[in-house]
Structure formats: structure tokens, C-alpha cells
């Protein structure tokens, strides 16, 4: 299952590198994905503000200034 989360993160970052913004990635890739269990929530970490997207695995996909990453 962890590989699937990492794959989803890679795909989101690939879309971002091609010019897609967060709202587009949310609508086209994340919102309907079977691993996503809720809406993005604004949060913050040591690097600054971010969006935290909850997953059914109990993990989160985080989106901040440096892109998407798994938590």
C-alpha cells in the first residue's frame, strides 16, 4: 500500500511539473482517488504553510512550496 501512496505522490508532482496547479490536481487526480478519505486541511510545519490531504491508510499527502510529499 505504501508503494501506491508514493506512486500517487510522484504522479501529483509530475502534473505539477507540467504546470498544473493544486486545484486542478485536486479535481483531476486526488478528489476521486480511492485512497483519499477527506478534503484538504490547511496546516503548517517547519517549512511553512501546507495542505494536508488525509488518506485511508492513516497517512497524509502534504502539499507545500516544494510540492507534494507523503507523511
C-alpha atoms as a PDB file:
ATOM      1  CA  UNK A   1       0.000   0.000   0.000  1.00  0.00           C
ATOM      2  CA  UNK A   2       2.886   2.383   0.744  1.00  0.00           C
ATOM      3  CA  UNK A   3       4.082   1.975  -2.841  1.00  0.00           C
ATOM      4  CA  UNK A   4       0.681   3.126  -4.078  1.00  0.00           C
ATOM      5  CA  UNK A   5       0.854   6.259  -1.923  1.00  0.00           C
ATOM      6  CA  UNK A   6       4.358   7.024  -3.200  1.00  0.00           C
ATOM      7  CA  UNK A   7       3.164   6.454  -6.772  1.00  0.00           C
ATOM      8  CA  UNK A   8       0.287   8.891  -6.257  1.00  0.00           C
ATOM      9  CA  UNK A   9       2.692  11.493  -4.848  1.00  0.00           C
ATOM     10  CA  UNK A  10       5.002  11.048  -7.867  1.00  0.00           C
ATOM     11  CA  UNK A  11       2.063  11.457 -10.262  1.00  0.00           C
ATOM     12  CA  UNK A  12       0.932  14.633  -8.493  1.00  0.00           C
ATOM     13  CA  UNK A  13       4.454  16.076  -8.684  1.00  0.00           C
ATOM     14  CA  UNK A  14       4.707  15.148 -12.367  1.00  0.00           C
ATOM     15  CA  UNK A  15       1.459  17.012 -13.080  1.00  0.00           C
ATOM     16  CA  UNK A  16       2.721  19.978 -11.104  1.00  0.00           C
ATOM     17  CA  UNK A  17       5.983  19.994 -13.078  1.00  0.00           C
ATOM     18  CA  UNK A  18       3.923  20.189 -16.269  1.00  0.00           C
ATOM     19  CA  UNK A  19       2.199  23.338 -14.994  1.00  0.00           C
ATOM     20  CA  UNK A  20      -0.904  22.048 -13.199  1.00  0.00           C
ATOM     21  CA  UNK A  21      -1.883  23.984 -10.073  1.00  0.00           C
ATOM     22  CA  UNK A  22      -3.203  22.482  -6.840  1.00  0.00           C
ATOM     23  CA  UNK A  23      -6.931  22.993  -7.624  1.00  0.00           C
ATOM     24  CA  UNK A  24      -6.507  21.160 -10.932  1.00  0.00           C
ATOM     25  CA  UNK A  25      -4.569  18.291  -9.361  1.00  0.00           C
ATOM     26  CA  UNK A  26      -7.156  18.068  -6.568  1.00  0.00           C
ATOM     27  CA  UNK A  27     -10.051  17.882  -9.039  1.00  0.00           C
ATOM     28  CA  UNK A  28      -8.480  15.550 -11.588  1.00  0.00           C
ATOM     29  CA  UNK A  29      -6.280  13.226  -9.523  1.00  0.00           C
ATOM     30  CA  UNK A  30      -6.960  13.354  -5.816  1.00  0.00           C
ATOM     31  CA  UNK A  31     -10.603  14.134  -5.094  1.00  0.00           C
ATOM     32  CA  UNK A  32     -11.939  10.906  -6.572  1.00  0.00           C
ATOM     33  CA  UNK A  33      -8.978   8.677  -5.736  1.00  0.00           C
ATOM     34  CA  UNK A  34      -9.850   5.598  -3.685  1.00  0.00           C
ATOM     35  CA  UNK A  35      -7.071   6.332  -1.142  1.00  0.00           C
ATOM     36  CA  UNK A  36      -8.202   9.894  -0.360  1.00  0.00           C
ATOM     37  CA  UNK A  37     -10.524   9.993   2.652  1.00  0.00           C
ATOM     38  CA  UNK A  38     -11.306  13.686   3.005  1.00  0.00           C
ATOM     39  CA  UNK A  39     -10.808  17.255   1.902  1.00  0.00           C
ATOM     40  CA  UNK A  40      -7.515  19.127   2.177  1.00  0.00           C
ATOM     41  CA  UNK A  41      -6.960  20.836   5.520  1.00  0.00           C
ATOM     42  CA  UNK A  42      -4.733  23.870   5.998  1.00  0.00           C
ATOM     43  CA  UNK A  43      -1.800  23.104   8.254  1.00  0.00           C
ATOM     44  CA  UNK A  44       1.727  24.261   8.940  1.00  0.00           C
ATOM     45  CA  UNK A  45       5.116  22.648   9.533  1.00  0.00           C
ATOM     46  CA  UNK A  46       8.692  23.872   9.979  1.00  0.00           C
ATOM     47  CA  UNK A  47       8.818  24.784   6.268  1.00  0.00           C
ATOM     48  CA  UNK A  48       5.679  26.958   6.343  1.00  0.00           C
ATOM     49  CA  UNK A  49       2.018  26.605   5.360  1.00  0.00           C
ATOM     50  CA  UNK A  50       0.771  23.466   3.652  1.00  0.00           C
ATOM     51  CA  UNK A  51      -2.317  21.494   2.736  1.00  0.00           C
ATOM     52  CA  UNK A  52      -2.767  18.094   4.356  1.00  0.00           C
ATOM     53  CA  UNK A  53      -4.865  15.521   2.477  1.00  0.00           C
ATOM     54  CA  UNK A  54      -5.993  12.561   4.615  1.00  0.00           C
ATOM     55  CA  UNK A  55      -5.681   9.040   3.236  1.00  0.00           C
ATOM     56  CA  UNK A  56      -7.483   5.825   4.189  1.00  0.00           C
ATOM     57  CA  UNK A  57      -4.128   4.445   5.341  1.00  0.00           C
ATOM     58  CA  UNK A  58      -3.958   6.981   8.167  1.00  0.00           C
ATOM     59  CA  UNK A  59      -1.179   8.812   6.357  1.00  0.00           C
ATOM     60  CA  UNK A  60      -1.447  12.161   4.591  1.00  0.00           C
ATOM     61  CA  UNK A  61      -0.282  13.683   1.358  1.00  0.00           C
ATOM     62  CA  UNK A  62       1.184  17.085   2.094  1.00  0.00           C
ATOM     63  CA  UNK A  63       1.349  19.917  -0.407  1.00  0.00           C
ATOM     64  CA  UNK A  64       3.592  22.889   0.249  1.00  0.00           C
ATOM     65  CA  UNK A  65       6.019  25.169  -1.518  1.00  0.00           C
ATOM     66  CA  UNK A  66       8.272  22.304  -2.559  1.00  0.00           C
ATOM     67  CA  UNK A  67       5.456  20.169  -3.986  1.00  0.00           C
ATOM     68  CA  UNK A  68       3.723  17.018  -2.831  1.00  0.00           C
ATOM     69  CA  UNK A  69       5.123  14.542  -0.318  1.00  0.00           C
ATOM     70  CA  UNK A  70       3.834  11.638   1.761  1.00  0.00           C
ATOM     71  CA  UNK A  71       3.670  11.920   5.520  1.00  0.00           C
END
